[in-house]
C-alpha atoms as a PDB file:
ATOM      1  CA  MET A   1       0.000   0.000   0.000  1.00  0.00           C
ATOM      2  CA  PRO A   2       1.362   3.498  -0.851  1.00  0.00           C
ATOM      3  CA  PRO A   3       1.960   6.180   1.836  1.00  0.00           C
ATOM      4  CA  SER A   4      -1.235   7.801   3.164  1.00  0.00           C
ATOM      5  CA  PHE A   5      -0.271  11.186   1.687  1.00  0.00           C
ATOM      6  CA  VAL A   6      -0.282   9.774  -1.865  1.00  0.00           C
ATOM      7  CA  SER A   7      -3.659  10.137  -3.564  1.00  0.00           C
ATOM      8  CA  PHE A   8      -3.923   8.351  -6.890  1.00  0.00           C
ATOM      9  CA  SER A   9      -7.321   9.924  -7.531  1.00  0.00           C
ATOM     10  CA  GLY A  10      -5.867  13.359  -6.808  1.00  0.00           C
ATOM     11  CA  LEU A  11      -2.968  12.693  -9.169  1.00  0.00           C
ATOM     12  CA  TYR A  12      -5.346  11.488 -11.858  1.00  0.00           C
ATOM     13  CA  SER A  13      -7.526  14.581 -11.383  1.00  0.00           C
ATOM     14  CA  GLY A  14      -4.442  16.669 -12.083  1.00  0.00           C
ATOM     15  CA  TYR A  15      -3.766  14.618 -15.203  1.00  0.00           C
ATOM     16  CA  LEU A  16      -7.350  15.178 -16.379  1.00  0.00           C
ATOM     17  CA  ARG A  17      -7.023  18.932 -15.912  1.00  0.00           C
ATOM     18  CA  ARG A  18      -3.816  18.914 -17.950  1.00  0.00           C
ATOM     19  CA  CYS A  19      -5.642  16.989 -20.688  1.00  0.00           C
ATOM     20  CA  PHE A  20      -8.299  19.690 -20.802  1.00  0.00           C
ATOM     21  CA  THR A  21      -5.777  22.525 -20.908  1.00  0.00           C
ATOM     22  CA  GLY A  22      -3.759  20.597 -23.488  1.00  0.00           C
ATOM     23  CA  ALA A  23      -6.893  20.462 -25.651  1.00  0.00           C
ATOM     24  CA  GLY A  24      -7.069  24.263 -25.563  1.00  0.00           C
ATOM     25  CA  LEU A  25      -9.605  24.701 -22.759  1.00  0.00           C
ATOM     26  CA  PHE A  26      -9.429  26.811 -19.627  1.00  0.00           C
ATOM     27  CA  SER A  27     -11.380  26.776 -16.378  1.00  0.00           C
ATOM     28  CA  GLN A  28     -13.578  29.632 -15.177  1.00  0.00           C
ATOM     29  CA  LYS A  29     -16.503  30.367 -12.858  1.00  0.00           C
ATOM     30  CA  ILE A  30     -19.358  32.532 -14.123  1.00  0.00           C
ATOM     31  CA  ASP A  31     -22.161  34.136 -12.120  1.00  0.00           C
ATOM     32  CA  ILE A  32     -25.264  33.463 -14.209  1.00  0.00           C
ATOM     33  CA  ASP A  33     -27.519  35.402 -11.811  1.00  0.00           C
ATOM     34  CA  ASP A  34     -27.533  36.717  -8.250  1.00  0.00           C
ATOM     35  CA  GLU A  35     -27.874  33.230  -6.756  1.00  0.00           C
ATOM     36  CA  THR A  36     -26.056  30.818  -9.034  1.00  0.00           C
ATOM     37  CA  THR A  37     -22.454  30.327 -10.152  1.00  0.00           C
ATOM     38  CA  LEU A  38     -21.408  27.739 -12.716  1.00  0.00           C
ATOM     39  CA  HIS A  39     -17.938  26.347 -13.260  1.00  0.00           C
ATOM     40  CA  VAL A  40     -17.169  25.649 -16.911  1.00  0.00           C
ATOM     41  CA  TRP A  41     -14.289  24.640 -19.142  1.00  0.00           C
ATOM     42  CA  GLY A  42     -14.273  26.583 -22.403  1.00  0.00           C
ATOM     43  CA  PRO A  43     -11.970  27.334 -25.347  1.00  0.00           C
ATOM     44  CA  THR A  44      -8.983  29.573 -24.653  1.00  0.00           C
ATOM     45  CA  ASN A  45      -9.287  30.930 -28.178  1.00  0.00           C
ATOM     46  CA  GLN A  46     -12.743  30.664 -29.691  1.00  0.00           C
ATOM     47  CA  ALA A  47     -12.609  29.919 -33.421  1.00  0.00           C
ATOM     48  CA  THR A  48     -15.488  31.575 -35.283  1.00  0.00           C
ATOM     49  CA  GLU A  49     -15.388  28.957 -38.037  1.00  0.00           C
ATOM     50  CA  LYS A  50     -16.011  26.104 -35.569  1.00  0.00           C
ATOM     51  CA  PRO A  51     -19.474  25.132 -34.282  1.00  0.00           C
ATOM     52  CA  SER A  52     -19.987  25.158 -30.512  1.00  0.00           C
ATOM     53  CA  LEU A  53     -20.521  21.924 -28.592  1.00  0.00           C
ATOM     54  CA  VAL A  54     -21.684  21.623 -24.979  1.00  0.00           C
ATOM     55  CA  LEU A  55     -20.893  18.399 -23.083  1.00  0.00           C
ATOM     56  CA  ILE A  56     -23.093  17.755 -20.037  1.00  0.00           C
ATOM     57  CA  HIS A  57     -21.857  15.183 -17.536  1.00  0.00           C
ATOM     58  CA  GLY A  58     -23.796  12.535 -15.673  1.00  0.00           C
ATOM     59  CA  PHE A  59     -24.423  11.894 -11.986  1.00  0.00           C
ATOM     60  CA  GLY A  60     -21.295  11.267  -9.925  1.00  0.00           C
ATOM     61  CA  PRO A  61     -17.778  12.549 -10.620  1.00  0.00           C
ATOM     62  CA  THR A  62     -17.265  16.033 -12.038  1.00  0.00           C
ATOM     63  CA  ALA A  63     -17.130  16.776 -15.757  1.00  0.00           C
ATOM     64  CA  ILE A  64     -13.387  16.266 -16.234  1.00  0.00           C
ATOM     65  CA  TRP A  65     -13.734  12.640 -15.131  1.00  0.00           C
ATOM     66  CA  GLN A  66     -16.389  11.935 -17.742  1.00  0.00           C
ATOM     67  CA  TRP A  67     -15.333  13.779 -20.909  1.00  0.00           C
ATOM     68  CA  ARG A  68     -11.537  13.508 -21.259  1.00  0.00           C
ATOM     69  CA  GLN A  69     -11.431  11.367 -24.390  1.00  0.00           C
ATOM     70  CA  GLN A  70     -14.252  13.254 -26.094  1.00  0.00           C
ATOM     71  CA  VAL A  71     -12.655  16.630 -25.380  1.00  0.00           C
ATOM     72  CA  GLN A  72      -9.293  15.548 -26.776  1.00  0.00           C
ATOM     73  CA  PHE A  73     -10.882  14.114 -29.933  1.00  0.00           C
ATOM     74  CA  LEU A  74     -13.481  16.834 -30.567  1.00  0.00           C
ATOM     75  CA  ALA A  75     -11.576  20.014 -29.632  1.00  0.00           C
ATOM     76  CA  PRO A  76      -9.958  20.361 -33.104  1.00  0.00           C
ATOM     77  CA  HIS A  77     -13.429  20.397 -34.676  1.00  0.00           C
ATOM     78  CA  PHE A  78     -15.588  22.302 -32.150  1.00  0.00           C
ATOM     79  CA  ASN A  79     -15.502  25.090 -29.616  1.00  0.00           C
ATOM     80  CA  ILE A  80     -15.994  22.854 -26.576  1.00  0.00           C
ATOM     81  CA  TYR A  81     -17.816  23.909 -23.412  1.00  0.00           C
ATOM     82  CA  VAL A  82     -17.919  21.539 -20.434  1.00  0.00           C
ATOM     83  CA  PRO A  83     -19.874  22.816 -17.417  1.00  0.00           C
ATOM     84  CA  ASP A  84     -20.143  21.258 -13.988  1.00  0.00           C
ATOM     85  CA  LEU A  85     -23.827  20.973 -13.129  1.00  0.00           C
ATOM     86  CA  ILE A  86     -25.040  22.652  -9.952  1.00  0.00           C
ATOM     87  CA  PHE A  87     -23.625  21.147  -6.746  1.00  0.00           C
ATOM     88  CA  PHE A  88     -21.134  19.125  -8.779  1.00  0.00           C
ATOM     89  CA  GLY A  89     -17.602  20.491  -8.557  1.00  0.00           C
ATOM     90  CA  GLU A  90     -17.494  24.258  -8.109  1.00  0.00           C
ATOM     91  CA  SER A  91     -21.000  25.028  -9.407  1.00  0.00           C
ATOM     92  CA  THR A  92     -23.271  26.297  -6.629  1.00  0.00           C
ATOM     93  CA  THR A  93     -26.576  28.056  -6.018  1.00  0.00           C
ATOM     94  CA  ARG A  94     -28.510  29.613  -3.164  1.00  0.00           C
ATOM     95  CA  SER A  95     -31.776  28.879  -4.955  1.00  0.00           C
ATOM     96  CA  LYS A  96     -34.103  26.280  -3.474  1.00  0.00           C
ATOM     97  CA  GLU A  97     -34.814  24.857  -6.938  1.00  0.00           C
ATOM     98  CA  ARG A  98     -33.718  21.221  -7.364  1.00  0.00           C
ATOM     99  CA  SER A  99     -34.731  19.724 -10.690  1.00  0.00           C
ATOM    100  CA  GLU A 100     -33.422  18.771 -14.120  1.00  0.00           C
ATOM    101  CA  LYS A 101     -35.365  21.738 -15.540  1.00  0.00           C
ATOM    102  CA  PHE A 102     -33.523  24.076 -13.183  1.00  0.00           C
ATOM    103  CA  GLN A 103     -30.213  22.566 -14.277  1.00  0.00           C
ATOM    104  CA  ALA A 104     -31.221  23.066 -17.931  1.00  0.00           C
ATOM    105  CA  GLU A 105     -32.298  26.639 -17.286  1.00  0.00           C
ATOM    106  CA  SER A 106     -28.986  27.340 -15.538  1.00  0.00           C
ATOM    107  CA  VAL A 107     -26.892  25.933 -18.386  1.00  0.00           C
ATOM    108  CA  GLY A 108     -29.037  27.977 -20.782  1.00  0.00           C
ATOM    109  CA  LYS A 109     -28.203  31.138 -18.813  1.00  0.00           C
ATOM    110  CA  LEU A 110     -24.542  30.133 -18.907  1.00  0.00           C
ATOM    111  CA  LEU A 111     -24.638  29.870 -22.706  1.00  0.00           C
ATOM    112  CA  GLU A 112     -26.151  33.339 -22.829  1.00  0.00           C
ATOM    113  CA  LYS A 113     -23.378  34.706 -20.596  1.00  0.00           C
ATOM    114  CA  LEU A 114     -20.806  33.058 -22.872  1.00  0.00           C
ATOM    115  CA  GLY A 115     -22.388  34.711 -25.885  1.00  0.00           C
ATOM    116  CA  LEU A 116     -23.345  31.470 -27.631  1.00  0.00           C
ATOM    117  CA  LYS A 117     -26.221  32.016 -30.033  1.00  0.00           C
ATOM    118  CA  LYS A 118     -26.344  28.390 -31.211  1.00  0.00           C
ATOM    119  CA  CYS A 119     -24.759  25.141 -30.117  1.00  0.00           C
ATOM    120  CA  HIS A 120     -24.943  21.375 -30.267  1.00  0.00           C
ATOM    121  CA  VAL A 121     -25.442  19.517 -26.970  1.00  0.00           C
ATOM    122  CA  VAL A 122     -24.330  16.065 -25.823  1.00  0.00           C
ATOM    123  CA  GLY A 123     -25.521  14.739 -22.471  1.00  0.00           C
ATOM    124  CA  THR A 124     -24.771  11.449 -20.785  1.00  0.00           C
ATOM    125  CA  SER A 125     -26.910   9.772 -18.095  1.00  0.00           C
ATOM    126  CA  TYR A 126     -28.330  12.517 -15.829  1.00  0.00           C
ATOM    127  CA  GLY A 127     -26.757  15.042 -18.215  1.00  0.00           C
ATOM    128  CA  GLY A 128     -28.828  13.590 -21.039  1.00  0.00           C
ATOM    129  CA  ILE A 129     -31.995  14.434 -19.120  1.00  0.00           C
ATOM    130  CA  VAL A 130     -30.675  17.976 -18.670  1.00  0.00           C
ATOM    131  CA  ALA A 131     -29.834  18.163 -22.398  1.00  0.00           C
ATOM    132  CA  TYR A 132     -33.356  17.004 -23.269  1.00  0.00           C
ATOM    133  CA  ASN A 133     -34.852  19.740 -21.109  1.00  0.00           C
ATOM    134  CA  MET A 134     -32.505  22.317 -22.619  1.00  0.00           C
ATOM    135  CA  ALA A 135     -33.627  21.430 -26.145  1.00  0.00           C
ATOM    136  CA  LYS A 136     -37.270  21.491 -25.081  1.00  0.00           C
ATOM    137  CA  MET A 137     -36.848  24.803 -23.287  1.00  0.00           C
ATOM    138  CA  LEU A 138     -34.610  26.729 -25.696  1.00  0.00           C
ATOM    139  CA  GLY A 139     -35.836  25.280 -28.985  1.00  0.00           C
ATOM    140  CA  GLU A 140     -34.186  24.914 -32.376  1.00  0.00           C
ATOM    141  CA  GLU A 141     -33.224  28.578 -32.525  1.00  0.00           C
ATOM    142  CA  LYS A 142     -30.512  27.989 -29.917  1.00  0.00           C
ATOM    143  CA  ILE A 143     -30.045  24.215 -29.713  1.00  0.00           C
ATOM    144  CA  GLU A 144     -29.207  22.519 -33.006  1.00  0.00           C
ATOM    145  CA  LYS A 145     -28.347  18.817 -32.695  1.00  0.00           C
ATOM    146  CA  VAL A 146     -28.852  16.938 -29.433  1.00  0.00           C
ATOM    147  CA  VAL A 147     -27.208  13.625 -28.529  1.00  0.00           C
ATOM    148  CA  ILE A 148     -28.585  11.826 -25.471  1.00  0.00           C
ATOM    149  CA  CYS A 149     -26.494   8.919 -24.162  1.00  0.00           C
ATOM    150  CA  SER A 150     -27.679   6.276 -21.679  1.00  0.00           C
ATOM    151  CA  SER A 151     -30.318   8.544 -20.172  1.00  0.00           C
ATOM    152  CA  GLY A 152     -33.587   7.515 -18.566  1.00  0.00           C
ATOM    153  CA  VAL A 153     -35.577  10.432 -19.959  1.00  0.00           C
ATOM    154  CA  ASN A 154     -38.819   8.487 -19.492  1.00  0.00           C
ATOM    155  CA  MET A 155     -37.709   6.748 -16.304  1.00  0.00           C
ATOM    156  CA  THR A 156     -40.430   5.940 -13.777  1.00  0.00           C
ATOM    157  CA  LYS A 157     -40.411   5.013 -10.092  1.00  0.00           C
ATOM    158  CA  ASN A 158     -40.670   1.358 -11.056  1.00  0.00           C
ATOM    159  CA  HIS A 159     -37.373   1.535 -12.967  1.00  0.00           C
ATOM    160  CA  ASN A 160     -35.548   2.588  -9.809  1.00  0.00           C
ATOM    161  CA  VAL A 161     -37.294  -0.134  -7.811  1.00  0.00           C
ATOM    162  CA  LYS A 162     -36.049  -2.719 -10.327  1.00  0.00           C
ATOM    163  CA  LEU A 163     -32.550  -1.230 -10.126  1.00  0.00           C
ATOM    164  CA  LEU A 164     -32.556  -1.552  -6.346  1.00  0.00           C
ATOM    165  CA  GLU A 165     -33.633  -5.172  -6.647  1.00  0.00           C
ATOM    166  CA  ARG A 166     -30.677  -5.877  -8.955  1.00  0.00           C
ATOM    167  CA  ALA A 167     -28.320  -4.125  -6.560  1.00  0.00           C
ATOM    168  CA  GLY A 168     -29.818  -5.772  -3.476  1.00  0.00           C
ATOM    169  CA  MET A 169     -30.138  -2.361  -1.803  1.00  0.00           C
ATOM    170  CA  ASP A 170     -32.981  -0.515  -0.097  1.00  0.00           C
ATOM    171  CA  LYS A 171     -32.376   3.155  -0.975  1.00  0.00           C
ATOM    172  CA  ILE A 172     -31.471   4.596  -4.373  1.00  0.00           C
ATOM    173  CA  GLU A 173     -29.337   7.346  -2.823  1.00  0.00           C
ATOM    174  CA  ASP A 174     -27.079   4.707  -1.240  1.00  0.00           C
ATOM    175  CA  LEU A 175     -26.412   3.351  -4.720  1.00  0.00           C
ATOM    176  CA  MET A 176     -26.120   6.642  -6.618  1.00  0.00           C
ATOM    177  CA  LEU A 177     -24.244   8.443  -3.830  1.00  0.00           C
ATOM    178  CA  PRO A 178     -21.975   5.729  -2.401  1.00  0.00           C
ATOM    179  CA  SER A 179     -20.440   6.511   0.973  1.00  0.00           C
ATOM    180  CA  SER A 180     -18.760   3.122   1.390  1.00  0.00           C
ATOM    181  CA  THR A 181     -16.500   1.027  -0.798  1.00  0.00           C
ATOM    182  CA  GLN A 182     -19.076  -1.767  -0.735  1.00  0.00           C
ATOM    183  CA  ASN A 183     -21.726   0.481  -2.290  1.00  0.00           C
ATOM    184  CA  LEU A 184     -19.195   1.908  -4.734  1.00  0.00           C
ATOM    185  CA  ARG A 185     -18.361  -1.607  -5.938  1.00  0.00           C
ATOM    186  CA  LYS A 186     -22.071  -2.297  -6.497  1.00  0.00           C
ATOM    187  CA  LEU A 187     -22.459   0.934  -8.469  1.00  0.00           C
ATOM    188  CA  MET A 188     -19.441   0.131 -10.631  1.00  0.00           C
ATOM    189  CA  THR A 189     -20.771  -3.367 -11.303  1.00  0.00           C
ATOM    190  CA  LEU A 190     -24.066  -1.950 -12.574  1.00  0.00           C
ATOM    191  CA  ALA A 191     -22.777   1.167 -14.336  1.00  0.00           C
ATOM    192  CA  VAL A 192     -19.442   0.255 -15.943  1.00  0.00           C
ATOM    193  CA  ALA A 193     -19.331  -1.809 -19.134  1.00  0.00           C
ATOM    194  CA  LYS A 194     -15.586  -2.552 -19.120  1.00  0.00           C
ATOM    195  CA  ARG A 195     -15.072  -3.809 -15.607  1.00  0.00           C
ATOM    196  CA  ILE A 196     -11.718  -3.931 -13.867  1.00  0.00           C
ATOM    197  CA  PRO A 197     -11.228  -7.498 -12.544  1.00  0.00           C
ATOM    198  CA  PHE A 198      -9.751  -6.346  -9.236  1.00  0.00           C
ATOM    199  CA  MET A 199      -9.736  -2.967  -7.504  1.00  0.00           C
ATOM    200  CA  PRO A 200      -7.781  -2.619  -4.228  1.00  0.00           C
ATOM    201  CA  GLU A 201      -9.729  -1.323  -1.253  1.00  0.00           C
ATOM    202  CA  PHE A 202      -7.369   1.612  -0.660  1.00  0.00           C
ATOM    203  CA  LEU A 203      -7.942   2.904  -4.205  1.00  0.00           C
ATOM    204  CA  LEU A 204     -11.703   2.849  -3.738  1.00  0.00           C
ATOM    205  CA  LYS A 205     -11.404   4.679  -0.406  1.00  0.00           C
ATOM    206  CA  ASP A 206      -9.203   7.288  -2.048  1.00  0.00           C
ATOM    207  CA  PHE A 207     -11.673   7.633  -4.938  1.00  0.00           C
ATOM    208  CA  LEU A 208     -14.558   8.234  -2.514  1.00  0.00           C
ATOM    209  CA  LYS A 209     -12.545  10.802  -0.579  1.00  0.00           C
ATOM    210  CA  VAL A 210     -11.259  12.764  -3.574  1.00  0.00           C
ATOM    211  CA  VAL A 211     -13.878  12.354  -6.288  1.00  0.00           C
ATOM    212  CA  TYR A 212     -17.080  12.194  -4.259  1.00  0.00           C
ATOM    213  CA  LYS A 213     -16.142  14.875  -1.739  1.00  0.00           C
ATOM    214  CA  HIS A 214     -17.912  17.490  -3.894  1.00  0.00           C
ATOM    215  CA  LEU A 215     -21.284  15.768  -3.506  1.00  0.00           C
ATOM    216  CA  GLU A 216     -23.287  18.238  -1.452  1.00  0.00           C
ATOM    217  CA  PRO A 217     -26.159  17.224   0.841  1.00  0.00           C
ATOM    218  CA  SER A 218     -28.425  18.959  -1.694  1.00  0.00           C
ATOM    219  CA  ILE A 219     -27.608  16.502  -4.469  1.00  0.00           C
ATOM    220  CA  PRO A 220     -30.140  13.759  -3.569  1.00  0.00           C
ATOM    221  CA  SER A 221     -32.963  16.179  -4.364  1.00  0.00           C
ATOM    222  CA  LEU A 222     -31.539  17.203  -7.750  1.00  0.00           C
ATOM    223  CA  VAL A 223     -33.270  14.386  -9.573  1.00  0.00           C
ATOM    224  CA  GLY A 224     -36.778  15.535  -8.782  1.00  0.00           C
ATOM    225  CA  GLY A 225     -37.388  13.171  -5.891  1.00  0.00           C
ATOM    226  CA  ARG A 226     -36.068  10.075  -7.643  1.00  0.00           C
ATOM    227  CA  CYS A 227     -33.505   9.599  -4.896  1.00  0.00           C
ATOM    228  CA  GLN A 228     -36.258   9.122  -2.350  1.00  0.00           C
ATOM    229  CA  ILE A 229     -37.229   5.736  -3.795  1.00  0.00           C
ATOM    230  CA  ARG A 230     -37.206   2.785  -1.393  1.00  0.00           C
ATOM    231  CA  ARG A 231     -37.351  -0.895  -2.214  1.00  0.00           C
ATOM    232  CA  SER A 232     -40.441  -2.531  -0.764  1.00  0.00           C
ATOM    233  CA  ARG A 233     -39.952  -5.558   1.440  1.00  0.00           C
END
């Protein structure tokens, strides 16, 4: 086991940030109104001949953990914008709103602050639901093409009940917001296609400490009450 002061997740987070800066992006925080601030990665030099592309991350780790490969591949062809959704990473709000529509509205305000008149949007998982609401809210005048990946846009309470049965757990927040390595292993088993055969316990503990430390107490309510689902006995 490595010394306790060595954090592999922290080192990898630094690597991810360097990948983003190496792709021509820089990090900034923008006040979109009096209550809400969004953190976003955007192009250092915006090229007018390139279309704009917004990448919206899913539930869990912040955006840099979910879009590295896409950013490196797509940056030569698009002006890339990668926001952290509210309460993920450095994006915060004092508003009491907690819904996918509020997330979509906030990203829409961010695009306005950035001066984007039109853009394409890609959303994965929870981010796909936000992307769907953005397209519905802003319309074709502002949102051109939309790509929704692995998102339960039409998900019902019963879907979460079935998921809990597969996981052998009672509460959806324990699965989606793991606070123990045991729950993290269950989430990885259900969510990751290319599974790692063996993951040492100390790496999982480090991952929870570094990557999931940003998960605010407000996050369970962000999915419109879906995190309040319980499995019936």
